[in-house]
N, C-alpha and C. Protein backbone atom coordinates (compact mmCIF):
# COMPACT_ATOMS: atom_id res chain seq x y z
N MET A 1 -96.23 -233.87 -19.62
CA MET A 1 -94.85 -233.46 -19.59
C MET A 1 -94.70 -231.94 -19.66
N PRO A 2 -95.51 -231.21 -20.41
CA PRO A 2 -95.39 -229.75 -20.46
C PRO A 2 -95.63 -229.11 -19.08
N GLN A 3 -96.48 -229.72 -18.27
CA GLN A 3 -96.73 -229.18 -16.93
C GLN A 3 -95.46 -229.24 -16.08
N LEU A 4 -94.72 -230.33 -16.21
CA LEU A 4 -93.48 -230.48 -15.45
C LEU A 4 -92.47 -229.42 -15.87
N PHE A 5 -92.39 -229.15 -17.15
CA PHE A 5 -91.49 -228.11 -17.65
C PHE A 5 -91.91 -226.74 -17.11
N GLY A 6 -93.19 -226.47 -17.11
CA GLY A 6 -93.71 -225.20 -16.57
C GLY A 6 -93.41 -225.05 -15.10
N ILE A 7 -93.58 -226.11 -14.34
CA ILE A 7 -93.28 -226.08 -12.91
C ILE A 7 -91.80 -225.84 -12.68
N MET A 8 -90.95 -226.45 -13.51
CA MET A 8 -89.51 -226.25 -13.37
C MET A 8 -89.12 -224.80 -13.67
N VAL A 9 -89.73 -224.20 -14.68
CA VAL A 9 -89.44 -222.81 -15.03
C VAL A 9 -89.89 -221.88 -13.91
N ILE A 10 -91.08 -222.12 -13.39
CA ILE A 10 -91.58 -221.30 -12.28
C ILE A 10 -90.69 -221.45 -11.05
N GLY A 11 -90.28 -222.67 -10.75
CA GLY A 11 -89.40 -222.92 -9.61
C GLY A 11 -88.06 -222.22 -9.77
N ALA A 12 -87.52 -222.26 -10.99
CA ALA A 12 -86.24 -221.57 -11.24
C ALA A 12 -86.40 -220.07 -11.06
N GLY A 13 -87.54 -219.53 -11.50
CA GLY A 13 -87.78 -218.10 -11.33
C GLY A 13 -87.91 -217.72 -9.85
N ILE A 14 -88.60 -218.53 -9.10
CA ILE A 14 -88.74 -218.27 -7.66
C ILE A 14 -87.37 -218.34 -6.98
N TYR A 15 -86.58 -219.33 -7.33
CA TYR A 15 -85.25 -219.48 -6.74
C TYR A 15 -84.36 -218.28 -7.08
N ALA A 16 -84.39 -217.83 -8.34
CA ALA A 16 -83.59 -216.68 -8.74
C ALA A 16 -84.05 -215.42 -8.00
N GLY A 17 -85.36 -215.26 -7.84
CA GLY A 17 -85.87 -214.12 -7.09
C GLY A 17 -85.44 -214.16 -5.64
N TYR A 18 -85.47 -215.33 -5.04
CA TYR A 18 -85.03 -215.49 -3.65
C TYR A 18 -83.56 -215.11 -3.50
N LYS A 19 -82.73 -215.59 -4.42
CA LYS A 19 -81.29 -215.28 -4.35
C LYS A 19 -81.06 -213.77 -4.51
N ALA A 20 -81.83 -213.13 -5.38
CA ALA A 20 -81.69 -211.68 -5.57
C ALA A 20 -82.07 -210.93 -4.30
N VAL A 21 -83.14 -211.35 -3.65
CA VAL A 21 -83.57 -210.71 -2.40
C VAL A 21 -82.51 -210.88 -1.32
N VAL A 22 -81.94 -212.06 -1.23
CA VAL A 22 -80.90 -212.32 -0.23
C VAL A 22 -79.67 -211.45 -0.51
N ARG A 23 -79.28 -211.33 -1.76
CA ARG A 23 -78.12 -210.53 -2.13
C ARG A 23 -78.36 -209.04 -1.82
N ILE A 24 -79.52 -208.54 -2.18
CA ILE A 24 -79.83 -207.12 -1.94
C ILE A 24 -79.93 -206.84 -0.44
N SER A 25 -80.54 -207.72 0.32
CA SER A 25 -80.65 -207.50 1.76
C SER A 25 -79.28 -207.55 2.43
N GLY A 26 -78.38 -208.37 1.92
CA GLY A 26 -77.02 -208.41 2.45
C GLY A 26 -76.29 -207.10 2.22
N ARG A 27 -76.47 -206.53 1.02
CA ARG A 27 -75.85 -205.23 0.73
C ARG A 27 -76.42 -204.15 1.64
N MET A 28 -77.73 -204.17 1.83
CA MET A 28 -78.36 -203.17 2.69
C MET A 28 -77.87 -203.31 4.13
N ARG A 29 -77.75 -204.54 4.61
CA ARG A 29 -77.26 -204.78 5.97
C ARG A 29 -75.84 -204.24 6.13
N ASP A 30 -74.98 -204.49 5.15
CA ASP A 30 -73.60 -204.00 5.23
C ASP A 30 -73.56 -202.47 5.21
N GLU A 31 -74.40 -201.86 4.37
CA GLU A 31 -74.44 -200.41 4.30
C GLU A 31 -74.95 -199.79 5.61
N LEU A 32 -75.95 -200.41 6.21
CA LEU A 32 -76.47 -199.91 7.49
C LEU A 32 -75.43 -200.04 8.60
N ARG A 33 -74.70 -201.14 8.60
CA ARG A 33 -73.64 -201.31 9.61
C ARG A 33 -72.56 -200.26 9.43
N ARG A 34 -72.17 -200.01 8.19
CA ARG A 34 -71.14 -199.02 7.92
C ARG A 34 -71.61 -197.63 8.36
N ALA A 35 -72.85 -197.29 8.05
CA ALA A 35 -73.39 -195.99 8.45
C ALA A 35 -73.47 -195.88 9.97
N ASP A 36 -73.86 -196.96 10.63
CA ASP A 36 -73.94 -196.95 12.09
C ASP A 36 -72.55 -196.76 12.70
N ASP A 37 -71.56 -197.44 12.15
CA ASP A 37 -70.19 -197.27 12.65
C ASP A 37 -69.70 -195.83 12.46
N GLU A 38 -70.02 -195.23 11.30
CA GLU A 38 -69.62 -193.84 11.05
C GLU A 38 -70.30 -192.89 12.03
N MET A 39 -71.58 -193.13 12.31
CA MET A 39 -72.30 -192.27 13.25
C MET A 39 -71.74 -192.40 14.66
N ARG A 40 -71.43 -193.63 15.06
CA ARG A 40 -70.85 -193.83 16.39
C ARG A 40 -69.48 -193.15 16.50
N LYS A 41 -68.68 -193.25 15.44
CA LYS A 41 -67.36 -192.61 15.45
C LYS A 41 -67.50 -191.10 15.50
N ALA A 42 -68.43 -190.54 14.73
CA ALA A 42 -68.64 -189.10 14.72
C ALA A 42 -69.13 -188.61 16.09
N ALA A 43 -69.97 -189.40 16.73
CA ALA A 43 -70.48 -189.02 18.05
C ALA A 43 -69.37 -189.08 19.09
N ALA A 44 -68.48 -190.05 18.95
CA ALA A 44 -67.39 -190.17 19.90
C ALA A 44 -66.36 -189.05 19.72
N ASP A 45 -66.19 -188.59 18.49
CA ASP A 45 -65.21 -187.55 18.20
C ASP A 45 -65.73 -186.15 18.50
N ALA A 46 -67.03 -186.02 18.59
CA ALA A 46 -67.62 -184.69 18.82
C ALA A 46 -67.27 -184.21 20.23
N ALA A 47 -66.75 -183.01 20.31
CA ALA A 47 -66.40 -182.43 21.61
C ALA A 47 -67.60 -181.68 22.17
N GLU A 48 -67.75 -181.76 23.47
CA GLU A 48 -68.82 -181.01 24.10
C GLU A 48 -68.45 -179.54 24.15
N LYS A 49 -69.41 -178.70 23.88
CA LYS A 49 -69.18 -177.27 23.85
C LYS A 49 -69.69 -176.67 25.16
N ASP A 50 -68.81 -175.98 25.88
CA ASP A 50 -69.19 -175.36 27.14
C ASP A 50 -69.77 -173.98 26.85
N LEU A 51 -71.03 -173.79 27.14
CA LEU A 51 -71.69 -172.52 26.90
C LEU A 51 -71.64 -171.60 28.11
N GLY A 52 -71.13 -172.09 29.19
CA GLY A 52 -71.09 -171.28 30.40
C GLY A 52 -72.44 -171.31 31.09
N ALA A 53 -72.72 -170.24 31.86
CA ALA A 53 -73.98 -170.17 32.58
C ALA A 53 -75.12 -169.89 31.61
N LEU A 54 -76.26 -170.50 31.85
CA LEU A 54 -77.43 -170.29 31.02
C LEU A 54 -78.48 -169.50 31.80
N VAL A 55 -79.17 -168.64 31.10
CA VAL A 55 -80.20 -167.80 31.70
C VAL A 55 -81.50 -168.03 30.92
N LEU A 56 -82.60 -168.12 31.65
CA LEU A 56 -83.89 -168.32 31.01
C LEU A 56 -84.38 -167.03 30.39
N ASP A 57 -84.70 -167.07 29.11
CA ASP A 57 -85.27 -165.92 28.41
C ASP A 57 -86.78 -165.94 28.67
N PRO A 58 -87.31 -164.95 29.39
CA PRO A 58 -88.73 -165.00 29.76
C PRO A 58 -89.67 -164.87 28.56
N GLU A 59 -89.24 -164.22 27.49
CA GLU A 59 -90.11 -164.05 26.32
C GLU A 59 -90.32 -165.36 25.56
N SER A 60 -89.22 -166.07 25.32
CA SER A 60 -89.32 -167.28 24.52
C SER A 60 -89.38 -168.55 25.38
N GLY A 61 -88.96 -168.46 26.63
CA GLY A 61 -88.97 -169.64 27.49
C GLY A 61 -87.81 -170.60 27.18
N VAL A 62 -86.76 -170.07 26.54
CA VAL A 62 -85.61 -170.88 26.15
C VAL A 62 -84.40 -170.41 26.94
N TYR A 63 -83.57 -171.38 27.37
CA TYR A 63 -82.33 -171.03 28.05
C TYR A 63 -81.30 -170.61 27.03
N ARG A 64 -80.61 -169.48 27.33
CA ARG A 64 -79.57 -168.96 26.44
C ARG A 64 -78.32 -168.67 27.28
N PRO A 65 -77.15 -168.61 26.62
CA PRO A 65 -75.93 -168.26 27.36
C PRO A 65 -76.06 -166.89 28.01
N ALA A 66 -75.48 -166.72 29.19
CA ALA A 66 -75.65 -165.51 29.98
C ALA A 66 -75.03 -164.28 29.33
N GLY A 67 -73.97 -164.39 28.57
CA GLY A 67 -73.26 -163.25 28.01
C GLY A 67 -73.93 -162.59 26.83
N ARG A 68 -75.01 -163.09 26.32
CA ARG A 68 -75.61 -162.57 25.09
C ARG A 68 -76.75 -161.67 25.37
């Protein structure tokens, strides 16, 4: 009979651990979705900046605005 009690205690511990993992993963999923929505909104709201004509800087090999 003590073995049955031990198995029940271990089973209850495994079940509680499983429920905790499910709860934590649900919170993480919701947080990731919220962050993804915020990033998409920020990307949609960002205006493109017109730099005008670009000129290649021969020293650095990087394109820079022509007026500088």
